[in-house]
Structure formats: structure tokens, C-alpha cells
C-alpha atoms as a PDB file:
ATOM      1  CA  MET A   1      16.356 -12.971  48.956  1.00  0.00           C
ATOM      2  CA  LYS A   2      15.615 -16.182  47.145  1.00  0.00           C
ATOM      3  CA  GLN A   3      17.197 -17.022  43.802  1.00  0.00           C
ATOM      4  CA  ALA A   4      13.908 -16.661  41.830  1.00  0.00           C
ATOM      5  CA  GLU A   5      13.136 -13.271  43.400  1.00  0.00           C
ATOM      6  CA  TYR A   6      16.656 -12.101  42.681  1.00  0.00           C
ATOM      7  CA  LYS A   7      16.360 -13.093  38.997  1.00  0.00           C
ATOM      8  CA  ARG A   8      13.021 -11.258  38.695  1.00  0.00           C
ATOM      9  CA  HIS A   9      14.573  -8.191  40.301  1.00  0.00           C
ATOM     10  CA  ILE A  10      17.528  -8.245  37.895  1.00  0.00           C
ATOM     11  CA  GLU A  11      15.216  -8.715  34.892  1.00  0.00           C
ATOM     12  CA  LEU A  12      13.065  -5.784  36.003  1.00  0.00           C
ATOM     13  CA  VAL A  13      16.133  -3.564  36.355  1.00  0.00           C
ATOM     14  CA  GLU A  14      17.280  -4.540  32.850  1.00  0.00           C
ATOM     15  CA  VAL A  15      13.871  -3.807  31.316  1.00  0.00           C
ATOM     16  CA  LEU A  16      13.619  -0.422  33.021  1.00  0.00           C
ATOM     17  CA  THR A  17      17.135   0.457  31.895  1.00  0.00           C
ATOM     18  CA  ALA A  18      16.275  -0.471  28.297  1.00  0.00           C
ATOM     19  CA  ILE A  19      13.121   1.679  28.434  1.00  0.00           C
ATOM     20  CA  SER A  20      15.176   4.590  29.744  1.00  0.00           C
ATOM     21  CA  VAL A  21      17.715   4.273  26.926  1.00  0.00           C
ATOM     22  CA  VAL A  22      15.012   4.142  24.256  1.00  0.00           C
ATOM     23  CA  SER A  23      13.184   7.127  25.788  1.00  0.00           C
ATOM     24  CA  GLU A  24      16.376   9.171  25.786  1.00  0.00           C
ATOM     25  CA  ARG A  25      17.029   8.305  22.130  1.00  0.00           C
ATOM     26  CA  LEU A  26      13.457   9.236  21.126  1.00  0.00           C
ATOM     27  CA  ALA A  27      13.650  12.553  22.980  1.00  0.00           C
ATOM     28  CA  ARG A  28      16.946  13.384  21.286  1.00  0.00           C
ATOM     29  CA  ASN A  29      15.566  12.533  17.837  1.00  0.00           C
ATOM     30  CA  MET A  30      12.425  14.594  18.425  1.00  0.00           C
ATOM     31  CA  SER A  31      14.547  17.573  19.502  1.00  0.00           C
ATOM     32  CA  VAL A  32      16.649  17.315  16.349  1.00  0.00           C
ATOM     33  CA  LEU A  33      13.546  17.128  14.134  1.00  0.00           C
ATOM     34  CA  ALA A  34      11.942  20.103  15.885  1.00  0.00           C
ATOM     35  CA  ALA A  35      15.114  22.149  15.431  1.00  0.00           C
ATOM     36  CA  GLU A  36      15.264  21.239  11.730  1.00  0.00           C
ATOM     37  CA  LYS A  37      11.617  22.245  11.210  1.00  0.00           C
ATOM     38  CA  PHE A  38      12.196  25.522  13.023  1.00  0.00           C
ATOM     39  CA  MET A  39      15.238  26.320  10.883  1.00  0.00           C
ATOM     40  CA  LYS A  40      13.204  25.682   7.719  1.00  0.00           C
ATOM     41  CA  GLY A  41      10.360  27.871   8.990  1.00  0.00           C
ATOM     42  CA  GLU A  42       7.749  25.108   8.893  1.00  0.00           C
ATOM     43  CA  ASN A  43       6.829  25.365  12.562  1.00  0.00           C
ATOM     44  CA  ARG A  44       5.459  28.907  12.671  1.00  0.00           C
ATOM     45  CA  ASN A  45       1.852  29.083  13.893  1.00  0.00           C
ATOM     46  CA  GLU A  46       1.255  25.506  12.864  1.00  0.00           C
ATOM     47  CA  GLN A  47      -1.102  24.821  15.727  1.00  0.00           C
ATOM     48  CA  ASN A  48      -3.205  27.930  15.141  1.00  0.00           C
ATOM     49  CA  LYS A  49      -3.864  27.452  11.420  1.00  0.00           C
ATOM     50  CA  ARG A  50      -7.459  27.170  10.350  1.00  0.00           C
ATOM     51  CA  ASN A  51      -8.614  25.980   6.992  1.00  0.00           C
ATOM     52  CA  GLY A  52     -11.908  27.245   5.624  1.00  0.00           C
ATOM     53  CA  ASN A  53     -15.016  28.102   7.566  1.00  0.00           C
ATOM     54  CA  GLY A  54     -15.586  24.751   9.188  1.00  0.00           C
ATOM     55  CA  ASN A  55     -16.021  26.119  12.673  1.00  0.00           C
ATOM     56  CA  ARG A  56     -18.707  28.753  11.996  1.00  0.00           C
ATOM     57  CA  ARG A  57     -22.229  28.187  13.224  1.00  0.00           C
ATOM     58  CA  THR A  58     -25.245  28.601  11.026  1.00  0.00           C
ATOM     59  CA  ALA A  59     -27.471  31.600  11.644  1.00  0.00           C
ATOM     60  CA  LYS A  60     -30.277  30.903  14.067  1.00  0.00           C
ATOM     61  CA  CYS A  61     -33.788  31.652  12.960  1.00  0.00           C
ATOM     62  CA  ARG A  62     -35.529  33.712  15.607  1.00  0.00           C
ATOM     63  CA  ARG A  63     -39.261  33.951  15.454  1.00  0.00           C
ATOM     64  CA  SER A  64     -41.394  35.883  17.802  1.00  0.00           C
ATOM     65  CA  TYR A  65     -44.983  34.926  18.088  1.00  0.00           C
END
């Protein structure tokens, strides 16, 4: 392996290692935040909440001729 290829390989390994460390830290922080929300009761049915009547369709006018 040539010197330039070896340096590129080492740099790639370092970048991938740094990405892995940051990803692990983010996952840990997200887990802690989710646990805190759950303990406070803020996470219950959050995804299924609906506000108002924004998703109802208007009545269709049916005419028969």
C-alpha cells in the first residue's frame, strides 16, 4: 500500500470512529430525554392527539337529475 493510500485509509477510519462516538452520545441523550418525558407523563398518546376538526370533509351535495 502506498503512503498516500495509507494516509487516506487512516483518515477514513478516524472519521468513521468520530461519527460512531457522536452517534452513541446522541442516542444516549435521546434515551435520557425520553425517559424524563415518560416520568413526567408528557409522552402519553402524544402522536395520536388531534386538535379541532381539521381533518373532516365537507358534506357532498348530491343531486339527482
